[in-house]
C-alpha atoms as a PDB file:
ATOM      1  CA  MET A   1      76.193  84.700-142.277  1.00  0.00           C
ATOM      2  CA  PHE A   2      77.045  88.148-141.052  1.00  0.00           C
ATOM      3  CA  SER A   3      74.072  89.663-142.801  1.00  0.00           C
ATOM      4  CA  ASP A   4      71.657  87.298-141.012  1.00  0.00           C
ATOM      5  CA  LYS A   5      72.965  88.319-137.618  1.00  0.00           C
ATOM      6  CA  ALA A   6      72.701  91.997-138.504  1.00  0.00           C
ATOM      7  CA  PHE A   7      69.103  91.495-139.574  1.00  0.00           C
ATOM      8  CA  GLN A   8      68.247  89.680-136.347  1.00  0.00           C
ATOM      9  CA  ILE A   9      69.843  92.430-134.235  1.00  0.00           C
ATOM     10  CA  ALA A  10      67.975  95.117-136.199  1.00  0.00           C
ATOM     11  CA  LEU A  11      64.692  93.234-135.729  1.00  0.00           C
ATOM     12  CA  ILE A  12      65.237  92.889-131.975  1.00  0.00           C
ATOM     13  CA  ILE A  13      66.011  96.626-131.648  1.00  0.00           C
ATOM     14  CA  SER A  14      62.878  97.494-133.668  1.00  0.00           C
ATOM     15  CA  ILE A  15      60.687  95.277-131.508  1.00  0.00           C
ATOM     16  CA  CYS A  16      62.083  96.742-128.299  1.00  0.00           C
ATOM     17  CA  THR A  17      61.640 100.282-129.571  1.00  0.00           C
ATOM     18  CA  HIS A  18      57.992  99.703-130.571  1.00  0.00           C
ATOM     19  CA  GLY A  19      57.349  97.995-127.264  1.00  0.00           C
ATOM     20  CA  VAL A  20      58.633 100.972-125.328  1.00  0.00           C
ATOM     21  CA  ILE A  21      56.517 103.360-127.433  1.00  0.00           C
ATOM     22  CA  LEU A  22      53.341 101.317-127.047  1.00  0.00           C
ATOM     23  CA  SER A  23      53.858 100.868-123.331  1.00  0.00           C
ATOM     24  CA  GLN A  24      53.868 104.667-122.890  1.00  0.00           C
ATOM     25  CA  ASN A  25      50.458 105.015-124.641  1.00  0.00           C
ATOM     26  CA  PRO A  26      47.663 105.041-121.911  1.00  0.00           C
ATOM     27  CA  ASN A  27      45.038 103.716-124.335  1.00  0.00           C
ATOM     28  CA  PHE A  28      47.104 100.676-125.236  1.00  0.00           C
ATOM     29  CA  SER A  29      45.965  97.402-123.674  1.00  0.00           C
ATOM     30  CA  VAL A  30      47.363  93.951-124.175  1.00  0.00           C
ATOM     31  CA  SER A  31      43.952  92.330-123.886  1.00  0.00           C
ATOM     32  CA  SER A  32      41.772  92.517-126.919  1.00  0.00           C
ATOM     33  CA  SER A  33      38.549  93.423-124.959  1.00  0.00           C
ATOM     34  CA  PRO A  34      37.725  97.152-125.168  1.00  0.00           C
ATOM     35  CA  ARG A  35      37.673  99.263-121.988  1.00  0.00           C
ATOM     36  CA  ILE A  36      34.135 100.117-120.851  1.00  0.00           C
ATOM     37  CA  LYS A  37      33.700 103.569-119.379  1.00  0.00           C
ATOM     38  CA  GLN A  38      31.616 103.542-116.210  1.00  0.00           C
ATOM     39  CA  ASN A  39      29.816 106.670-114.978  1.00  0.00           C
ATOM     40  CA  PRO A  40      30.642 107.400-111.341  1.00  0.00           C
ATOM     41  CA  GLU A  41      27.714 106.837-108.978  1.00  0.00           C
ATOM     42  CA  VAL A  42      26.924 109.823-106.747  1.00  0.00           C
ATOM     43  CA  LYS A  43      25.213 109.174-103.429  1.00  0.00           C
ATOM     44  CA  TYR A  44      23.748 111.911-101.216  1.00  0.00           C
ATOM     45  CA  ILE A  45      23.882 111.293 -97.547  1.00  0.00           C
ATOM     46  CA  LYS A  46      21.351 113.239 -95.411  1.00  0.00           C
ATOM     47  CA  PRO A  47      22.663 114.422 -92.071  1.00  0.00           C
ATOM     48  CA  PRO A  48      20.837 112.885 -89.160  1.00  0.00           C
ATOM     49  CA  LYS A  49      18.071 115.015 -87.630  1.00  0.00           C
ATOM     50  CA  GLN A  50      18.936 116.571 -84.344  1.00  0.00           C
ATOM     51  CA  GLU A  51      16.058 116.706 -81.977  1.00  0.00           C
ATOM     52  CA  LYS A  52      15.753 120.023 -80.177  1.00  0.00           C
ATOM     53  CA  THR A  53      15.484 119.649 -76.500  1.00  0.00           C
ATOM     54  CA  LEU A  54      13.833 122.392 -74.490  1.00  0.00           C
ATOM     55  CA  PRO A  55      15.141 123.206 -71.073  1.00  0.00           C
ATOM     56  CA  LYS A  56      13.081 121.807 -68.291  1.00  0.00           C
ATOM     57  CA  VAL A  57      11.192 124.451 -66.410  1.00  0.00           C
ATOM     58  CA  ALA A  58      10.099 123.841 -62.896  1.00  0.00           C
ATOM     59  CA  MET A  59       6.327 124.058 -62.518  1.00  0.00           C
ATOM     60  CA  PRO A  60       5.393 126.974 -60.248  1.00  0.00           C
ATOM     61  CA  GLN A  61       2.954 126.730 -57.418  1.00  0.00           C
ATOM     62  CA  LYS A  62      -0.708 127.475 -58.066  1.00  0.00           C
ATOM     63  CA  GLY A  63      -1.307 131.217 -58.330  1.00  0.00           C
ATOM     64  CA  TYR A  64       2.387 132.158 -58.612  1.00  0.00           C
ATOM     65  CA  ILE A  65       5.064 132.331 -61.309  1.00  0.00           C
ATOM     66  CA  SER A  66       8.569 131.533 -60.152  1.00  0.00           C
ATOM     67  CA  LYS A  67      11.619 133.333 -61.455  1.00  0.00           C
ATOM     68  CA  THR A  68      13.045 131.676 -64.534  1.00  0.00           C
ATOM     69  CA  SER A  69      14.701 132.615 -67.779  1.00  0.00           C
ATOM     70  CA  LEU A  70      13.304 131.178 -70.997  1.00  0.00           C
ATOM     71  CA  GLN A  71      15.548 131.292 -74.017  1.00  0.00           C
ATOM     72  CA  ALA A  72      13.901 131.377 -77.477  1.00  0.00           C
ATOM     73  CA  GLY A  73      16.495 131.722 -80.231  1.00  0.00           C
ATOM     74  CA  SER A  74      18.651 134.678 -79.243  1.00  0.00           C
ATOM     75  CA  HIS A  75      15.982 136.382 -77.028  1.00  0.00           C
ATOM     76  CA  LYS A  76      15.602 135.830 -73.341  1.00  0.00           C
ATOM     77  CA  ILE A  77      12.450 136.412 -71.339  1.00  0.00           C
ATOM     78  CA  SER A  78      13.028 137.101 -67.698  1.00  0.00           C
ATOM     79  CA  LEU A  79      10.229 136.911 -65.154  1.00  0.00           C
ATOM     80  CA  PRO A  80      10.393 138.520 -61.708  1.00  0.00           C
ATOM     81  CA  ASN A  81      10.183 136.618 -58.471  1.00  0.00           C
ATOM     82  CA  SER A  82       6.815 135.345 -57.247  1.00  0.00           C
ATOM     83  CA  ILE A  83       4.304 137.516 -59.180  1.00  0.00           C
ATOM     84  CA  ASN A  84       0.795 137.003 -57.917  1.00  0.00           C
ATOM     85  CA  ILE A  85      -1.626 136.601 -60.868  1.00  0.00           C
ATOM     86  CA  LYS A  86      -4.546 137.851 -58.791  1.00  0.00           C
ATOM     87  CA  THR A  87      -2.587 141.002 -57.959  1.00  0.00           C
ATOM     88  CA  ILE A  88      -1.952 141.678 -61.670  1.00  0.00           C
ATOM     89  CA  GLN A  89      -5.647 141.228 -62.443  1.00  0.00           C
ATOM     90  CA  MET A  90      -6.608 143.658 -59.672  1.00  0.00           C
ATOM     91  CA  GLN A  91      -4.094 146.230 -60.955  1.00  0.00           C
ATOM     92  CA  ASN A  92      -5.495 145.982 -64.501  1.00  0.00           C
ATOM     93  CA  GLN A  93      -9.030 146.443 -63.174  1.00  0.00           C
ATOM     94  CA  ASN A  94      -7.938 149.511 -61.187  1.00  0.00           C
ATOM     95  CA  GLN A  95      -6.354 151.021 -64.293  1.00  0.00           C
ATOM     96  CA  LYS A  96      -9.592 150.542 -66.222  1.00  0.00           C
ATOM     97  CA  ASN A  97     -11.561 152.207 -63.434  1.00  0.00           C
ATOM     98  CA  ILE A  98      -9.164 155.180 -63.432  1.00  0.00           C
ATOM     99  CA  ALA A  99      -9.489 155.512 -67.237  1.00  0.00           C
ATOM    100  CA  ASN A 100     -13.273 155.549 -66.895  1.00  0.00           C
ATOM    101  CA  ILE A 101     -13.051 158.298 -64.274  1.00  0.00           C
ATOM    102  CA  ARG A 102     -10.735 160.448 -66.422  1.00  0.00           C
ATOM    103  CA  GLU A 103     -12.960 160.161 -69.472  1.00  0.00           C
ATOM    104  CA  PRO A 104     -16.452 161.330 -68.510  1.00  0.00           C
ATOM    105  CA  ILE A 105     -19.335 159.866 -70.396  1.00  0.00           C
ATOM    106  CA  ALA A 106     -20.937 162.398 -72.718  1.00  0.00           C
ATOM    107  CA  ILE A 107     -24.603 162.775 -71.911  1.00  0.00           C
ATOM    108  CA  LYS A 108     -26.811 164.148 -74.634  1.00  0.00           C
ATOM    109  CA  PRO A 109     -28.918 167.032 -73.385  1.00  0.00           C
ATOM    110  CA  SER A 110     -32.614 166.460 -73.538  1.00  0.00           C
ATOM    111  CA  ILE A 111     -34.403 168.549 -76.122  1.00  0.00           C
ATOM    112  CA  THR A 112     -37.216 170.558 -74.625  1.00  0.00           C
ATOM    113  CA  LYS A 113     -39.704 172.556 -76.548  1.00  0.00           C
ATOM    114  CA  PRO A 114     -39.484 176.288 -75.819  1.00  0.00           C
ATOM    115  CA  ASP A 115     -42.436 177.855 -74.090  1.00  0.00           C
ATOM    116  CA  ILE A 116     -41.966 181.110 -76.031  1.00  0.00           C
ATOM    117  CA  ILE A 117     -43.412 181.084 -79.523  1.00  0.00           C
ATOM    118  CA  ALA A 118     -41.345 183.031 -82.043  1.00  0.00           C
ATOM    119  CA  VAL A 119     -43.180 185.972 -83.594  1.00  0.00           C
ATOM    120  CA  LYS A 120     -42.581 187.464 -86.993  1.00  0.00           C
ATOM    121  CA  LYS A 121     -41.814 191.164 -86.883  1.00  0.00           C
ATOM    122  CA  LYS A 122     -42.442 193.425 -89.809  1.00  0.00           C
ATOM    123  CA  ILE A 123     -41.041 196.931 -90.338  1.00  0.00           C
ATOM    124  CA  THR A 124     -41.961 199.099 -93.322  1.00  0.00           C
ATOM    125  CA  LEU A 125     -41.143 202.656 -94.351  1.00  0.00           C
ATOM    126  CA  PRO A 126     -43.782 203.751 -96.835  1.00  0.00           C
ATOM    127  CA  PRO A 127     -42.758 206.716 -99.028  1.00  0.00           C
ATOM    128  CA  VAL A 128     -44.003 210.158 -97.954  1.00  0.00           C
ATOM    129  CA  ASP A 129     -45.000 212.939-100.393  1.00  0.00           C
ATOM    130  CA  LEU A 130     -43.100 211.438-103.326  1.00  0.00           C
ATOM    131  CA  ASP A 131     -45.877 212.443-105.710  1.00  0.00           C
ATOM    132  CA  LYS A 132     -44.877 216.089-105.136  1.00  0.00           C
ATOM    133  CA  ILE A 133     -41.229 215.492-106.032  1.00  0.00           C
ATOM    134  CA  ASP A 134     -40.213 215.265-109.700  1.00  0.00           C
ATOM    135  CA  ASN A 135     -36.425 215.001-109.209  1.00  0.00           C
ATOM    136  CA  PRO A 136     -35.330 211.403-109.933  1.00  0.00           C
ATOM    137  CA  SER A 137     -31.955 211.904-108.174  1.00  0.00           C
ATOM    138  CA  TYR A 138     -33.730 212.910-104.987  1.00  0.00           C
ATOM    139  CA  VAL A 139     -36.123 209.923-105.207  1.00  0.00           C
ATOM    140  CA  SER A 140     -33.202 207.499-105.712  1.00  0.00           C
ATOM    141  CA  TYR A 141     -31.254 208.954-102.789  1.00  0.00           C
ATOM    142  CA  TYR A 142     -34.385 208.908-100.603  1.00  0.00           C
ATOM    143  CA  GLN A 143     -34.826 205.175-101.222  1.00  0.00           C
ATOM    144  CA  ILE A 144     -31.242 204.529-100.058  1.00  0.00           C
ATOM    145  CA  VAL A 145     -31.877 206.505 -96.856  1.00  0.00           C
ATOM    146  CA  ARG A 146     -35.124 204.639 -96.098  1.00  0.00           C
ATOM    147  CA  GLU A 147     -33.485 201.212 -96.573  1.00  0.00           C
ATOM    148  CA  LYS A 148     -30.632 201.964 -94.175  1.00  0.00           C
ATOM    149  CA  ILE A 149     -33.079 203.209 -91.526  1.00  0.00           C
ATOM    150  CA  ARG A 150     -35.289 200.126 -91.961  1.00  0.00           C
ATOM    151  CA  ARG A 151     -32.361 197.737 -91.352  1.00  0.00           C
ATOM    152  CA  CYS A 152     -31.379 199.496 -88.122  1.00  0.00           C
ATOM    153  CA  ALA A 153     -34.989 199.590 -86.869  1.00  0.00           C
ATOM    154  CA  TYR A 154     -35.341 195.850 -87.538  1.00  0.00           C
ATOM    155  CA  GLN A 155     -32.383 195.150 -85.209  1.00  0.00           C
ATOM    156  CA  TYR A 156     -33.696 197.333 -82.375  1.00  0.00           C
ATOM    157  CA  TYR A 157     -37.310 196.122 -82.577  1.00  0.00           C
ATOM    158  CA  THR A 158     -37.225 193.254 -80.039  1.00  0.00           C
ATOM    159  CA  ARG A 159     -40.614 193.614 -78.329  1.00  0.00           C
ATOM    160  CA  THR A 160     -44.235 193.208 -79.344  1.00  0.00           C
ATOM    161  CA  GLU A 161     -45.451 196.825 -79.316  1.00  0.00           C
ATOM    162  CA  GLN A 162     -47.058 197.934 -82.584  1.00  0.00           C
ATOM    163  CA  GLY A 163     -47.562 201.360 -84.101  1.00  0.00           C
ATOM    164  CA  GLU A 164     -46.183 204.049 -86.428  1.00  0.00           C
ATOM    165  CA  VAL A 165     -43.698 206.843 -85.840  1.00  0.00           C
ATOM    166  CA  TYR A 166     -43.506 209.871 -88.138  1.00  0.00           C
ATOM    167  CA  LEU A 167     -40.091 211.596 -88.235  1.00  0.00           C
ATOM    168  CA  SER A 168     -38.554 214.546 -90.032  1.00  0.00           C
ATOM    169  CA  PHE A 169     -34.780 215.060 -90.296  1.00  0.00           C
ATOM    170  CA  VAL A 170     -32.131 216.977 -92.223  1.00  0.00           C
ATOM    171  CA  ILE A 171     -29.108 215.470 -94.018  1.00  0.00           C
ATOM    172  CA  SER A 172     -26.100 217.538 -95.116  1.00  0.00           C
ATOM    173  CA  ASN A 173     -24.407 216.999 -98.469  1.00  0.00           C
ATOM    174  CA  ASP A 174     -21.664 214.886 -96.754  1.00  0.00           C
ATOM    175  CA  GLY A 175     -24.279 212.388 -95.491  1.00  0.00           C
ATOM    176  CA  TYR A 176     -24.497 213.328 -91.814  1.00  0.00           C
ATOM    177  CA  VAL A 177     -27.754 213.970 -89.941  1.00  0.00           C
ATOM    178  CA  ARG A 178     -28.110 217.498 -88.568  1.00  0.00           C
ATOM    179  CA  GLU A 179     -31.417 217.327 -86.680  1.00  0.00           C
ATOM    180  CA  ILE A 180     -34.238 214.844 -85.978  1.00  0.00           C
ATOM    181  CA  ARG A 181     -37.798 215.744 -85.056  1.00  0.00           C
ATOM    182  CA  VAL A 182     -40.717 213.467 -84.128  1.00  0.00           C
ATOM    183  CA  VAL A 183     -44.119 214.553 -85.440  1.00  0.00           C
ATOM    184  CA  GLU A 184     -46.129 213.627 -82.371  1.00  0.00           C
ATOM    185  CA  GLU A 185     -49.599 214.266 -83.824  1.00  0.00           C
ATOM    186  CA  LYS A 186     -48.929 211.585 -86.492  1.00  0.00           C
ATOM    187  CA  SER A 187     -47.010 209.143 -84.301  1.00  0.00           C
ATOM    188  CA  SER A 188     -47.795 206.510 -81.709  1.00  0.00           C
ATOM    189  CA  SER A 189     -47.470 207.568 -78.076  1.00  0.00           C
ATOM    190  CA  ASN A 190     -45.520 204.429 -77.154  1.00  0.00           C
ATOM    191  CA  PRO A 191     -42.195 205.624 -75.683  1.00  0.00           C
ATOM    192  CA  TYR A 192     -40.388 202.392 -76.744  1.00  0.00           C
ATOM    193  CA  LEU A 193     -41.293 202.861 -80.408  1.00  0.00           C
ATOM    194  CA  LEU A 194     -40.339 206.551 -80.279  1.00  0.00           C
ATOM    195  CA  GLU A 195     -36.972 205.730 -78.749  1.00  0.00           C
ATOM    196  CA  ILE A 196     -35.933 203.019 -81.239  1.00  0.00           C
ATOM    197  CA  SER A 197     -37.126 205.141 -84.189  1.00  0.00           C
ATOM    198  CA  VAL A 198     -34.855 208.083 -83.311  1.00  0.00           C
ATOM    199  CA  LYS A 199     -32.001 205.659 -82.526  1.00  0.00           C
ATOM    200  CA  SER A 200     -32.416 203.922 -85.904  1.00  0.00           C
ATOM    201  CA  ILE A 201     -31.911 207.204 -87.810  1.00  0.00           C
ATOM    202  CA  LYS A 202     -28.828 208.091 -85.776  1.00  0.00           C
ATOM    203  CA  GLU A 203     -27.253 204.642 -86.217  1.00  0.00           C
ATOM    204  CA  ALA A 204     -28.006 204.581 -89.969  1.00  0.00           C
ATOM    205  CA  ALA A 205     -25.927 207.742 -90.509  1.00  0.00           C
ATOM    206  CA  PRO A 206     -23.704 208.674 -92.165  1.00  0.00           C
ATOM    207  CA  PHE A 207     -25.511 208.283 -95.462  1.00  0.00           C
ATOM    208  CA  PRO A 208     -23.854 208.493 -98.895  1.00  0.00           C
ATOM    209  CA  ASN A 209     -22.820 211.916-100.170  1.00  0.00           C
ATOM    210  CA  PHE A 210     -25.273 213.745-102.369  1.00  0.00           C
ATOM    211  CA  PRO A 211     -24.997 212.978-106.076  1.00  0.00           C
ATOM    212  CA  LYS A 212     -23.846 215.741-108.411  1.00  0.00           C
ATOM    213  CA  GLU A 213     -27.431 216.351-109.545  1.00  0.00           C
ATOM    214  CA  LEU A 214     -28.379 217.363-105.970  1.00  0.00           C
ATOM    215  CA  ASP A 215     -26.324 220.523-105.677  1.00  0.00           C
ATOM    216  CA  TYR A 216     -27.513 221.503-102.192  1.00  0.00           C
ATOM    217  CA  GLN A 217     -25.873 222.044 -98.836  1.00  0.00           C
ATOM    218  CA  GLN A 218     -28.584 220.020 -97.062  1.00  0.00           C
ATOM    219  CA  LEU A 219     -31.960 218.420 -97.721  1.00  0.00           C
ATOM    220  CA  SER A 220     -34.920 217.536 -95.481  1.00  0.00           C
ATOM    221  CA  PHE A 221     -36.543 214.076 -95.472  1.00  0.00           C
ATOM    222  CA  ASN A 222     -39.689 212.629 -93.933  1.00  0.00           C
ATOM    223  CA  VAL A 223     -40.179 208.944 -93.045  1.00  0.00           C
ATOM    224  CA  VAL A 224     -42.857 206.846 -91.397  1.00  0.00           C
ATOM    225  CA  ILE A 225     -41.607 203.743 -89.554  1.00  0.00           C
ATOM    226  CA  SER A 226     -44.339 201.146 -89.155  1.00  0.00           C
ATOM    227  CA  TYR A 227     -43.928 198.351 -86.548  1.00  0.00           C
ATOM    228  CA  GLU A 228     -46.075 195.212 -86.852  1.00  0.00           C
ATOM    229  CA  ILE A 229     -46.125 191.682 -85.409  1.00  0.00           C
ATOM    230  CA  GLY A 230     -47.247 188.809 -87.621  1.00  0.00           C
ATOM    231  CA  GLU A 231     -48.356 185.305 -86.701  1.00  0.00           C
END
C-alpha cells in the first residue's frame, strides 16, 4: 500500500519536471502540425513627387526689362532697373564701329610693272703680259689681286657707260698699294670709268702678304678693267 503511493508521487513529480523542461523549449508545440516558416514580405514605398514651382515674374512692358531677381539653384541673376533694349543694341553697334576704326583694313598695293628694264653688267680683267712671266707664285698671287679688284668694280659700276681702263700699280710685301697710275693712251676717256677703276683698286687693298717664294719688298702689276652692258 505504501509502495503504490510512493510510485504515484514519483510519477507525478516526473511528469511535472518533464512538463517544465518541455515548456522552456521554444521549438516545442502542443499541436502536432509543424510550424511553417514564412519569408517576410518587403515593400518599397516611393516618395511622392514634389512639383517644382517657379516664382512668378511680372511681365515687363514692351521694350523694357523691369528689375527682378531670378533664382536658379544657388545662383541669382540680378537685372538693373528699366534697361532699354534699343539702347543696348545701339551701344553694341557703336562698339563694332569703333573696333572697325581702330583696325584699319589692309589694302594690297597694286603691282605695277617698272618702266626701267634691268641691264646685265659685265666686268672682266683679262691677264696682261702673263706669257712673259714664268714664276708660278707670282701668277697665283696676281690672280688673287685681279679677283678682288673685279668684285669692287662690279659694286661701283652702276651706270651704262662702256669701255676699258688700263692701270698700273705697286703692291708692297705686306699687301698695301703704294701708287696707282692710269695708262691714258690705252684707256677710255670716260671720266666715270676712270674714277671707279682707281677707286676699285684702293678699296680692294690690302691684299694678302707675299708668299715666301716672292722674296721682294714690292712688285708692280698691270690690269685692264673692261666694262660692258649685256641685254
